[in-house]
Amino acid sequence: SLNWSGTFHGVGARLLREYAGRIGLDPNFTIHDRQDSGDLTNLVR
């Protein structure tokens, strides 16, 4: 089976969790969808 098959965003999320410790990310980071991102933008605004 192909273990690394997916969308750019899906593979990116998987790699970032795997390498989180080496790039200063918490492996349990949350991913915001567009609506959540808009809400956070509005909060900062």
ModelCIF file with pLDDT and N, C-alpha, C, O atoms, coordinates in Angstrom:
data_MODEL
#
_entry.id   MODEL 
#
_entity.id                         1 
_entity.type                       polymer 
_entity.pdbx_number_of_molecules   1 
#
_entity_poly.entity_id                      1 
_entity_poly.type                           'polypeptide(L)' 
_entity_poly.nstd_linkage                   no 
_entity_poly.nstd_monomer                   no 
_entity_poly.pdbx_seq_one_letter_code       SLNWSGTFHGVGARLLREYAGRIGLDPNFTIHDRQDSGDLTNLVR 
_entity_poly.pdbx_seq_one_letter_code_can   SLNWSGTFHGVGARLLREYAGRIGLDPNFTIHDRQDSGDLTNLVR 
_entity_poly.pdbx_strand_id                 A 
#
loop_
_entity_poly_seq.entity_id 
_entity_poly_seq.num 
_entity_poly_seq.mon_id 
_entity_poly_seq.hetero 
1 1  SER n 
1 2  LEU n 
1 3  ASN n 
1 4  TRP n 
1 5  SER n 
1 6  GLY n 
1 7  THR n 
1 8  PHE n 
1 9  HIS n 
1 10 GLY n 
1 11 VAL n 
1 12 GLY n 
1 13 ALA n 
1 14 ARG n 
1 15 LEU n 
1 16 LEU n 
1 17 ARG n 
1 18 GLU n 
1 19 TYR n 
1 20 ALA n 
1 21 GLY n 
1 22 ARG n 
1 23 ILE n 
1 24 GLY n 
1 25 LEU n 
1 26 ASP n 
1 27 PRO n 
1 28 ASN n 
1 29 PHE n 
1 30 THR n 
1 31 ILE n 
1 32 HIS n 
1 33 ASP n 
1 34 ARG n 
1 35 GLN n 
1 36 ASP n 
1 37 SER n 
1 38 GLY n 
1 39 ASP n 
1 40 LEU n 
1 41 THR n 
1 42 ASN n 
1 43 LEU n 
1 44 VAL n 
1 45 ARG n 
#
_struct_asym.id          A 
_struct_asym.entity_id   1 
#
loop_
_ma_qa_metric.id 
_ma_qa_metric.mode 
_ma_qa_metric.name 
_ma_qa_metric.software_group_id 
_ma_qa_metric.type 
1 global pLDDT . pLDDT 
2 local  pLDDT . pLDDT 
#
_ma_qa_metric_global.metric_id      1 
_ma_qa_metric_global.metric_value   90.47 
_ma_qa_metric_global.model_id       1 
_ma_qa_metric_global.ordinal_id     1 
#
loop_
_ma_qa_metric_local.label_asym_id 
_ma_qa_metric_local.label_comp_id 
_ma_qa_metric_local.label_seq_id 
_ma_qa_metric_local.metric_id 
_ma_qa_metric_local.metric_value 
_ma_qa_metric_local.model_id 
_ma_qa_metric_local.ordinal_id 
A SER 1  2 75.00 1 1  
A LEU 2  2 82.00 1 2  
A ASN 3  2 87.00 1 3  
A TRP 4  2 92.00 1 4  
A SER 5  2 90.00 1 5  
A GLY 6  2 89.00 1 6  
A THR 7  2 91.00 1 7  
A PHE 8  2 93.00 1 8  
A HIS 9  2 92.00 1 9  
A GLY 10 2 91.00 1 10 
A VAL 11 2 94.00 1 11 
A GLY 12 2 95.00 1 12 
A ALA 13 2 93.00 1 13 
A ARG 14 2 93.00 1 14 
A LEU 15 2 96.00 1 15 
A LEU 16 2 96.00 1 16 
A ARG 17 2 93.00 1 17 
A GLU 18 2 94.00 1 18 
A TYR 19 2 94.00 1 19 
A ALA 20 2 93.00 1 20 
A GLY 21 2 91.00 1 21 
A ARG 22 2 93.00 1 22 
A ILE 23 2 93.00 1 23 
A GLY 24 2 90.00 1 24 
A LEU 25 2 92.00 1 25 
A ASP 26 2 89.00 1 26 
A PRO 27 2 88.00 1 27 
A ASN 28 2 86.00 1 28 
A PHE 29 2 91.00 1 29 
A THR 30 2 90.00 1 30 
A ILE 31 2 92.00 1 31 
A HIS 32 2 92.00 1 32 
A ASP 33 2 86.00 1 33 
A ARG 34 2 86.00 1 34 
A GLN 35 2 85.00 1 35 
A ASP 36 2 89.00 1 36 
A SER 37 2 92.00 1 37 
A GLY 38 2 90.00 1 38 
A ASP 39 2 90.00 1 39 
A LEU 40 2 92.00 1 40 
A THR 41 2 92.00 1 41 
A ASN 42 2 89.00 1 42 
A LEU 43 2 89.00 1 43 
A VAL 44 2 91.00 1 44 
A ARG 45 2 90.00 1 45 
#
loop_
_atom_site.group_PDB 
_atom_site.id 
_atom_site.type_symbol 
_atom_site.label_atom_id 
_atom_site.label_alt_id 
_atom_site.label_comp_id 
_atom_site.label_asym_id 
_atom_site.label_entity_id 
_atom_site.label_seq_id 
_atom_site.pdbx_PDB_ins_code 
_atom_site.Cartn_x 
_atom_site.Cartn_y 
_atom_site.Cartn_z 
_atom_site.occupancy 
_atom_site.B_iso_or_equiv 
_atom_site.pdbx_formal_charge 
_atom_site.auth_seq_id 
_atom_site.auth_comp_id 
_atom_site.auth_asym_id 
_atom_site.auth_atom_id 
_atom_site.pdbx_PDB_model_num 
ATOM 1   N N  . SER A 1 1  ? 0.844   -1.197 0.000  1.00 75.00 ? 1  SER A N  1 
ATOM 2   C CA . SER A 1 1  ? 0.000   0.000  0.000  1.00 75.00 ? 1  SER A CA 1 
ATOM 3   C C  . SER A 1 1  ? 0.875   1.241  0.000  1.00 75.00 ? 1  SER A C  1 
ATOM 4   O O  . SER A 1 1  ? 2.033   1.207  0.416  1.00 75.00 ? 1  SER A O  1 
ATOM 5   N N  . LEU A 1 2  ? 0.292   2.348  -0.480 1.00 82.00 ? 2  LEU A N  1 
ATOM 6   C CA . LEU A 1 2  ? 1.008   3.626  -0.496 1.00 82.00 ? 2  LEU A CA 1 
ATOM 7   C C  . LEU A 1 2  ? 0.745   4.337  0.825  1.00 82.00 ? 2  LEU A C  1 
ATOM 8   O O  . LEU A 1 2  ? -0.380  4.756  1.098  1.00 82.00 ? 2  LEU A O  1 
ATOM 9   N N  . ASN A 1 3  ? 1.775   4.469  1.636  1.00 87.00 ? 3  ASN A N  1 
ATOM 10  C CA . ASN A 1 3  ? 1.621   5.087  2.951  1.00 87.00 ? 3  ASN A CA 1 
ATOM 11  C C  . ASN A 1 3  ? 1.570   6.605  2.877  1.00 87.00 ? 3  ASN A C  1 
ATOM 12  O O  . ASN A 1 3  ? 1.029   7.257  3.771  1.00 87.00 ? 3  ASN A O  1 
ATOM 13  N N  . TRP A 1 4  ? 2.130   7.168  1.813  1.00 92.00 ? 4  TRP A N  1 
ATOM 14  C CA . TRP A 1 4  ? 2.194   8.621  1.695  1.00 92.00 ? 4  TRP A CA 1 
ATOM 15  C C  . TRP A 1 4  ? 1.438   9.060  0.439  1.00 92.00 ? 4  TRP A C  1 
ATOM 16  O O  . TRP A 1 4  ? 2.033   9.441  -0.569 1.00 92.00 ? 4  TRP A O  1 
ATOM 17  N N  . SER A 1 5  ? 0.128   8.996  0.533  1.00 90.00 ? 5  SER A N  1 
ATOM 18  C CA . SER A 1 5  ? -0.738  9.393  -0.564 1.00 90.00 ? 5  SER A CA 1 
ATOM 19  C C  . SER A 1 5  ? -1.819  10.305 0.001  1.00 90.00 ? 5  SER A C  1 
ATOM 20  O O  . SER A 1 5  ? -2.530  9.908  0.924  1.00 90.00 ? 5  SER A O  1 
ATOM 21  N N  . GLY A 1 6  ? -1.959  11.514 -0.528 1.00 89.00 ? 6  GLY A N  1 
ATOM 22  C CA . GLY A 1 6  ? -2.961  12.427 0.008  1.00 89.00 ? 6  GLY A CA 1 
ATOM 23  C C  . GLY A 1 6  ? -2.861  13.795 -0.621 1.00 89.00 ? 6  GLY A C  1 
ATOM 24  O O  . GLY A 1 6  ? -2.134  13.995 -1.595 1.00 89.00 ? 6  GLY A O  1 
ATOM 25  N N  . THR A 1 7  ? -3.598  14.739 -0.059 1.00 91.00 ? 7  THR A N  1 
ATOM 26  C CA . THR A 1 7  ? -3.576  16.112 -0.544 1.00 91.00 ? 7  THR A CA 1 
ATOM 27  C C  . THR A 1 7  ? -2.334  16.831 -0.026 1.00 91.00 ? 7  THR A C  1 
ATOM 28  O O  . THR A 1 7  ? -1.697  16.372 0.922  1.00 91.00 ? 7  THR A O  1 
ATOM 29  N N  . PHE A 1 8  ? -1.991  17.957 -0.650 1.00 93.00 ? 8  PHE A N  1 
ATOM 30  C CA . PHE A 1 8  ? -0.890  18.775 -0.154 1.00 93.00 ? 8  PHE A CA 1 
ATOM 31  C C  . PHE A 1 8  ? -1.114  19.144 1.311  1.00 93.00 ? 8  PHE A C  1 
ATOM 32  O O  . PHE A 1 8  ? -0.198  19.046 2.127  1.00 93.00 ? 8  PHE A O  1 
ATOM 33  N N  . HIS A 1 9  ? -2.340  19.570 1.642  1.00 92.00 ? 9  HIS A N  1 
ATOM 34  C CA . HIS A 1 9  ? -2.609  20.013 3.006  1.00 92.00 ? 9  HIS A CA 1 
ATOM 35  C C  . HIS A 1 9  ? -2.583  18.838 3.975  1.00 92.00 ? 9  HIS A C  1 
ATOM 36  O O  . HIS A 1 9  ? -2.085  18.964 5.094  1.00 92.00 ? 9  HIS A O  1 
ATOM 37  N N  . GLY A 1 10 ? -3.119  17.692 3.548  1.00 91.00 ? 10 GLY A N  1 
ATOM 38  C CA . GLY A 1 10 ? -3.128  16.523 4.430  1.00 91.00 ? 10 GLY A CA 1 
ATOM 39  C C  . GLY A 1 10 ? -1.725  16.005 4.709  1.00 91.00 ? 10 GLY A C  1 
ATOM 40  O O  . GLY A 1 10 ? -1.389  15.704 5.855  1.00 91.00 ? 10 GLY A O  1 
ATOM 41  N N  . VAL A 1 11 ? -0.907  15.899 3.668  1.00 94.00 ? 11 VAL A N  1 
ATOM 42  C CA . VAL A 1 11 ? 0.474   15.447 3.851  1.00 94.00 ? 11 VAL A CA 1 
ATOM 43  C C  . VAL A 1 11 ? 1.255   16.474 4.660  1.00 94.00 ? 11 VAL A C  1 
ATOM 44  O O  . VAL A 1 11 ? 2.078   16.118 5.503  1.00 94.00 ? 11 VAL A O  1 
ATOM 45  N N  . GLY A 1 12 ? 0.988   17.765 4.394  1.00 95.00 ? 12 GLY A N  1 
ATOM 46  C CA . GLY A 1 12 ? 1.666   18.809 5.159  1.00 95.00 ? 12 GLY A CA 1 
ATOM 47  C C  . GLY A 1 12 ? 1.360   18.705 6.642  1.00 95.00 ? 12 GLY A C  1 
ATOM 48  O O  . GLY A 1 12 ? 2.268   18.812 7.467  1.00 95.00 ? 12 GLY A O  1 
ATOM 49  N N  . ALA A 1 13 ? 0.090   18.498 6.998  1.00 93.00 ? 13 ALA A N  1 
ATOM 50  C CA . ALA A 1 13 ? -0.284  18.365 8.412  1.00 93.00 ? 13 ALA A CA 1 
ATOM 51  C C  . ALA A 1 13 ? 0.416   17.167 9.045  1.00 93.00 ? 13 ALA A C  1 
ATOM 52  O O  . ALA A 1 13 ? 0.883   17.240 10.181 1.00 93.00 ? 13 ALA A O  1 
ATOM 53  N N  . ARG A 1 14 ? 0.485   16.076 8.310  1.00 93.00 ? 14 ARG A N  1 
ATOM 54  C CA . ARG A 1 14 ? 1.124   14.864 8.835  1.00 93.00 ? 14 ARG A CA 1 
ATOM 55  C C  . ARG A 1 14 ? 2.616   15.076 9.066  1.00 93.00 ? 14 ARG A C  1 
ATOM 56  O O  . ARG A 1 14 ? 3.154   14.653 10.089 1.00 93.00 ? 14 ARG A O  1 
ATOM 57  N N  . LEU A 1 15 ? 3.279   15.726 8.122  1.00 96.00 ? 15 LEU A N  1 
ATOM 58  C CA . LEU A 1 15 ? 4.713   15.981 8.280  1.00 96.00 ? 15 LEU A CA 1 
ATOM 59  C C  . LEU A 1 15 ? 4.985   16.960 9.414  1.00 96.00 ? 15 LEU A C  1 
ATOM 60  O O  . LEU A 1 15 ? 5.955   16.804 10.155 1.00 96.00 ? 15 LEU A O  1 
ATOM 61  N N  . LEU A 1 16 ? 4.128   17.971 9.549  1.00 96.00 ? 16 LEU A N  1 
ATOM 62  C CA . LEU A 1 16 ? 4.345   18.954 10.608 1.00 96.00 ? 16 LEU A CA 1 
ATOM 63  C C  . LEU A 1 16 ? 4.185   18.323 11.984 1.00 96.00 ? 16 LEU A C  1 
ATOM 64  O O  . LEU A 1 16 ? 4.930   18.664 12.902 1.00 96.00 ? 16 LEU A O  1 
ATOM 65  N N  . ARG A 1 17 ? 3.235   17.415 12.148 1.00 93.00 ? 17 ARG A N  1 
ATOM 66  C CA . ARG A 1 17 ? 3.110   16.730 13.445 1.00 93.00 ? 17 ARG A CA 1 
ATOM 67  C C  . ARG A 1 17 ? 4.327   15.855 13.697 1.00 93.00 ? 17 ARG A C  1 
ATOM 68  O O  . ARG A 1 17 ? 4.810   15.766 14.826 1.00 93.00 ? 17 ARG A O  1 
ATOM 69  N N  . GLU A 1 18 ? 4.822   15.211 12.652 1.00 94.00 ? 18 GLU A N  1 
ATOM 70  C CA . GLU A 1 18 ? 5.975   14.322 12.820 1.00 94.00 ? 18 GLU A CA 1 
ATOM 71  C C  . GLU A 1 18 ? 7.242   15.103 13.164 1.00 94.00 ? 18 GLU A C  1 
ATOM 72  O O  . GLU A 1 18 ? 8.057   14.648 13.967 1.00 94.00 ? 18 GLU A O  1 
ATOM 73  N N  . TYR A 1 19 ? 7.402   16.271 12.560 1.00 94.00 ? 19 TYR A N  1 
ATOM 74  C CA . TYR A 1 19 ? 8.613   17.061 12.771 1.00 94.00 ? 19 TYR A CA 1 
ATOM 75  C C  . TYR A 1 19 ? 8.391   18.210 13.765 1.00 94.00 ? 19 TYR A C  1 
ATOM 76  O O  . TYR A 1 19 ? 9.239   19.092 13.895 1.00 94.00 ? 19 TYR A O  1 
ATOM 77  N N  . ALA A 1 20 ? 7.251   18.195 14.464 1.00 93.00 ? 20 ALA A N  1 
ATOM 78  C CA . ALA A 1 20 ? 6.887   19.321 15.333 1.00 93.00 ? 20 ALA A CA 1 
ATOM 79  C C  . ALA A 1 20 ? 7.991   19.680 16.314 1.00 93.00 ? 20 ALA A C  1 
ATOM 80  O O  . ALA A 1 20 ? 8.309   20.856 16.493 1.00 93.00 ? 20 ALA A O  1 
ATOM 81  N N  . GLY A 1 21 ? 8.573   18.677 16.944 1.00 91.00 ? 21 GLY A N  1 
ATOM 82  C CA . GLY A 1 21 ? 9.605   18.944 17.942 1.00 91.00 ? 21 GLY A CA 1 
ATOM 83  C C  . GLY A 1 21 ? 10.821  19.633 17.377 1.00 91.00 ? 21 GLY A C  1 
ATOM 84  O O  . GLY A 1 21 ? 11.534  20.320 18.109 1.00 91.00 ? 21 GLY A O  1 
ATOM 85  N N  . ARG A 1 22 ? 11.078  19.469 16.100 1.00 93.00 ? 22 ARG A N  1 
ATOM 86  C CA . ARG A 1 22 ? 12.270  20.061 15.473 1.00 93.00 ? 22 ARG A CA 1 
ATOM 87  C C  . ARG A 1 22 ? 12.002  21.432 14.879 1.00 93.00 ? 22 ARG A C  1 
ATOM 88  O O  . ARG A 1 22 ? 12.940  22.130 14.492 1.00 93.00 ? 22 ARG A O  1 
ATOM 89  N N  . ILE A 1 23 ? 10.730  21.834 14.800 1.00 93.00 ? 23 ILE A N  1 
ATOM 90  C CA . ILE A 1 23 ? 10.418  23.132 14.197 1.00 93.00 ? 23 ILE A CA 1 
ATOM 91  C C  . ILE A 1 23 ? 9.637   24.033 15.156 1.00 93.00 ? 23 ILE A C  1 
ATOM 92  O O  . ILE A 1 23 ? 9.056   25.036 14.740 1.00 93.00 ? 23 ILE A O  1 
ATOM 93  N N  . GLY A 1 24 ? 9.627   23.669 16.449 1.00 90.00 ? 24 GLY A N  1 
ATOM 94  C CA . GLY A 1 24 ? 9.030   24.534 17.452 1.00 90.00 ? 24 GLY A CA 1 
ATOM 95  C C  . GLY A 1 24 ? 7.525   24.517 17.504 1.00 90.00 ? 24 GLY A C  1 
ATOM 96  O O  . GLY A 1 24 ? 6.921   25.497 17.939 1.00 90.00 ? 24 GLY A O  1 
ATOM 97  N N  . LEU A 1 25 ? 6.887   23.427 17.075 1.00 92.00 ? 25 LEU A N  1 
ATOM 98  C CA . LEU A 1 25 ? 5.436   23.311 17.145 1.00 92.00 ? 25 LEU A CA 1 
ATOM 99  C C  . LEU A 1 25 ? 5.042   22.319 18.225 1.00 92.00 ? 25 LEU A C  1 
ATOM 100 O O  . LEU A 1 25 ? 5.772   21.370 18.513 1.00 92.00 ? 25 LEU A O  1 
ATOM 101 N N  . ASP A 1 26 ? 3.882   22.551 18.819 1.00 89.00 ? 26 ASP A N  1 
ATOM 102 C CA . ASP A 1 26 ? 3.282   21.564 19.703 1.00 89.00 ? 26 ASP A CA 1 
ATOM 103 C C  . ASP A 1 26 ? 2.635   20.497 18.823 1.00 89.00 ? 26 ASP A C  1 
ATOM 104 O O  . ASP A 1 26 ? 1.817   20.841 17.970 1.00 89.00 ? 26 ASP A O  1 
ATOM 105 N N  . PRO A 1 27 ? 2.967   19.210 18.996 1.00 88.00 ? 27 PRO A N  1 
ATOM 106 C CA . PRO A 1 27 ? 2.382   18.169 18.135 1.00 88.00 ? 27 PRO A CA 1 
ATOM 107 C C  . PRO A 1 27 ? 0.861   18.126 18.199 1.00 88.00 ? 27 PRO A C  1 
ATOM 108 O O  . PRO A 1 27 ? 0.224   17.585 17.295 1.00 88.00 ? 27 PRO A O  1 
ATOM 109 N N  . ASN A 1 28 ? 0.266   18.690 19.256 1.00 86.00 ? 28 ASN A N  1 
ATOM 110 C CA . ASN A 1 28 ? -1.192  18.690 19.387 1.00 86.00 ? 28 ASN A CA 1 
ATOM 111 C C  . ASN A 1 28 ? -1.828  19.966 18.844 1.00 86.00 ? 28 ASN A C  1 
ATOM 112 O O  . ASN A 1 28 ? -2.928  20.335 19.254 1.00 86.00 ? 28 ASN A O  1 
ATOM 113 N N  . PHE A 1 29 ? -1.134  20.647 17.916 1.00 91.00 ? 29 PHE A N  1 
ATOM 114 C CA . PHE A 1 29 ? -1.683  21.890 17.381 1.00 91.00 ? 29 PHE A CA 1 
ATOM 115 C C  . PHE A 1 29 ? -3.056  21.627 16.751 1.00 91.00 ? 29 PHE A C  1 
ATOM 116 O O  . PHE A 1 29 ? -3.340  20.540 16.248 1.00 91.00 ? 29 PHE A O  1 
ATOM 117 N N  . THR A 1 30 ? -3.898  22.673 16.801 1.00 90.00 ? 30 THR A N  1 
ATOM 118 C CA . THR A 1 30 ? -5.237  22.623 16.221 1.00 90.00 ? 30 THR A CA 1 
ATOM 119 C C  . THR A 1 30 ? -5.202  23.227 14.821 1.00 90.00 ? 30 THR A C  1 
ATOM 120 O O  . THR A 1 30 ? -4.434  24.151 14.555 1.00 90.00 ? 30 THR A O  1 
ATOM 121 N N  . ILE A 1 31 ? -6.037  22.698 13.930 1.00 92.00 ? 31 ILE A N  1 
ATOM 122 C CA . ILE A 1 31 ? -6.145  23.250 12.578 1.00 92.00 ? 31 ILE A CA 1 
ATOM 123 C C  . ILE A 1 31 ? -7.481  23.964 12.451 1.00 92.00 ? 31 ILE A C  1 
ATOM 124 O O  . ILE A 1 31 ? -8.535  23.357 12.641 1.00 92.00 ? 31 ILE A O  1 
ATOM 125 N N  . HIS A 1 32 ? -7.438  25.245 12.131 1.00 92.00 ? 32 HIS A N  1 
ATOM 126 C CA . HIS A 1 32 ? -8.647  26.037 11.940 1.00 92.00 ? 32 HIS A CA 1 
ATOM 127 C C  . HIS A 1 32 ? -9.137  25.910 10.505 1.00 92.00 ? 32 HIS A C  1 
ATOM 128 O O  . HIS A 1 32 ? -8.340  25.957 9.569  1.00 92.00 ? 32 HIS A O  1 
ATOM 129 N N  . ASP A 1 33 ? -10.450 25.747 10.327 1.00 86.00 ? 33 ASP A N  1 
ATOM 130 C CA . ASP A 1 33 ? -11.012 25.839 8.987  1.00 86.00 ? 33 ASP A CA 1 
ATOM 131 C C  . ASP A 1 33 ? -11.172 27.320 8.640  1.00 86.00 ? 33 ASP A C  1 
ATOM 132 O O  . ASP A 1 33 ? -10.838 28.196 9.439  1.00 86.00 ? 33 ASP A O  1 
ATOM 133 N N  . ARG A 1 34 ? -11.686 27.585 7.439  1.00 86.00 ? 34 ARG A N  1 
ATOM 134 C CA . ARG A 1 34 ? -11.770 28.969 6.970  1.00 86.00 ? 34 ARG A CA 1 
ATOM 135 C C  . ARG A 1 34 ? -12.650 29.826 7.882  1.00 86.00 ? 34 ARG A C  1 
ATOM 136 O O  . ARG A 1 34 ? -12.334 30.988 8.139  1.00 86.00 ? 34 ARG A O  1 
ATOM 137 N N  . GLN A 1 35 ? -13.730 29.264 8.359  1.00 85.00 ? 35 GLN A N  1 
ATOM 138 C CA . GLN A 1 35 ? -14.632 30.050 9.200  1.00 85.00 ? 35 GLN A CA 1 
ATOM 139 C C  . GLN A 1 35 ? -13.972 30.378 10.537 1.00 85.00 ? 35 GLN A C  1 
ATOM 140 O O  . GLN A 1 35 ? -14.087 31.503 11.025 1.00 85.00 ? 35 GLN A O  1 
ATOM 141 N N  . ASP A 1 36 ? -13.288 29.411 11.126 1.00 89.00 ? 36 ASP A N  1 
ATOM 142 C CA . ASP A 1 36 ? -12.578 29.673 12.380 1.00 89.00 ? 36 ASP A CA 1 
ATOM 143 C C  . ASP A 1 36 ? -11.477 30.708 12.168 1.00 89.00 ? 36 ASP A C  1 
ATOM 144 O O  . ASP A 1 36 ? -11.268 31.588 13.002 1.00 89.00 ? 36 ASP A O  1 
ATOM 145 N N  . SER A 1 37 ? -10.777 30.590 11.039 1.00 92.00 ? 37 SER A N  1 
ATOM 146 C CA . SER A 1 37 ? -9.711  31.559 10.740 1.00 92.00 ? 37 SER A CA 1 
ATOM 147 C C  . SER A 1 37 ? -10.292 32.957 10.594 1.00 92.00 ? 37 SER A C  1 
ATOM 148 O O  . SER A 1 37 ? -9.702  33.933 11.059 1.00 92.00 ? 37 SER A O  1 
ATOM 149 N N  . GLY A 1 38 ? -11.460 33.055 9.940  1.00 90.00 ? 38 GLY A N  1 
ATOM 150 C CA . GLY A 1 38 ? -12.117 34.353 9.820  1.00 90.00 ? 38 GLY A CA 1 
ATOM 151 C C  . GLY A 1 38 ? -12.512 34.912 11.170 1.00 90.00 ? 38 GLY A C  1 
ATOM 152 O O  . GLY A 1 38 ? -12.385 36.112 11.414 1.00 90.00 ? 38 GLY A O  1 
ATOM 153 N N  . ASP A 1 39 ? -12.993 34.039 12.053 1.00 90.00 ? 39 ASP A N  1 
ATOM 154 C CA . ASP A 1 39 ? -13.376 34.504 13.396 1.00 90.00 ? 39 ASP A CA 1 
ATOM 155 C C  . ASP A 1 39 ? -12.168 35.012 14.176 1.00 90.00 ? 39 ASP A C  1 
ATOM 156 O O  . ASP A 1 39 ? -12.257 36.024 14.871 1.00 90.00 ? 39 ASP A O  1 
ATOM 157 N N  . LEU A 1 40 ? -11.045 34.318 14.063 1.00 92.00 ? 40 LEU A N  1 
ATOM 158 C CA . LEU A 1 40 ? -9.840  34.769 14.771 1.00 92.00 ? 40 LEU A CA 1 
ATOM 159 C C  . LEU A 1 40 ? -9.333  36.077 14.168 1.00 92.00 ? 40 LEU A C  1 
ATOM 160 O O  . LEU A 1 40 ? -8.900  36.973 14.892 1.00 92.00 ? 40 LEU A O  1 
ATOM 161 N N  . THR A 1 41 ? -9.389  36.182 12.846 1.00 92.00 ? 41 THR A N  1 
ATOM 162 C CA . THR A 1 41 ? -9.009  37.440 12.197 1.00 92.00 ? 41 THR A CA 1 
ATOM 163 C C  . THR A 1 41 ? -9.876  38.587 12.706 1.00 92.00 ? 41 THR A C  1 
ATOM 164 O O  . THR A 1 41 ? -9.382  39.684 12.966 1.00 92.00 ? 41 THR A O  1 
ATOM 165 N N  . ASN A 1 42 ? -11.168 38.322 12.845 1.00 89.00 ? 42 ASN A N  1 
ATOM 166 C CA . ASN A 1 42 ? -12.086 39.352 13.316 1.00 89.00 ? 42 ASN A CA 1 
ATOM 167 C C  . ASN A 1 42 ? -11.794 39.736 14.758 1.00 89.00 ? 42 ASN A C  1 
ATOM 168 O O  . ASN A 1 42 ? -11.880 40.909 15.121 1.00 89.00 ? 42 ASN A O  1 
ATOM 169 N N  . LEU A 1 43 ? -11.447 38.751 15.583 1.00 89.00 ? 43 LEU A N  1 
ATOM 170 C CA . LEU A 1 43 ? -11.106 39.024 16.977 1.00 89.00 ? 43 LEU A CA 1 
ATOM 171 C C  . LEU A 1 43 ? -9.890  39.941 17.063 1.00 89.00 ? 43 LEU A C  1 
ATOM 172 O O  . LEU A 1 43 ? -9.886  40.911 17.821 1.00 89.00 ? 43 LEU A O  1 
ATOM 173 N N  . VAL A 1 44 ? -8.872  39.631 16.289 1.00 91.00 ? 44 VAL A N  1 
ATOM 174 C CA . VAL A 1 44 ? -7.664  40.469 16.276 1.00 91.00 ? 44 VAL A CA 1 
ATOM 175 C C  . VAL A 1 44 ? -7.988  41.851 15.705 1.00 91.00 ? 44 VAL A C  1 
ATOM 176 O O  . VAL A 1 44 ? -7.489  42.867 16.186 1.00 91.00 ? 44 VAL A O  1 
ATOM 177 N N  . ARG A 1 45 ? -8.821  41.870 14.683 1.00 90.00 ? 45 ARG A N  1 
ATOM 178 C CA . ARG A 1 45 ? -9.227  43.130 14.058 1.00 90.00 ? 45 ARG A CA 1 
ATOM 179 C C  . ARG A 1 45 ? -9.891  44.057 15.074 1.00 90.00 ? 45 ARG A C  1 
ATOM 180 O O  . ARG A 1 45 ? -10.298 45.165 14.726 1.00 90.00 ? 45 ARG A O  1 
#
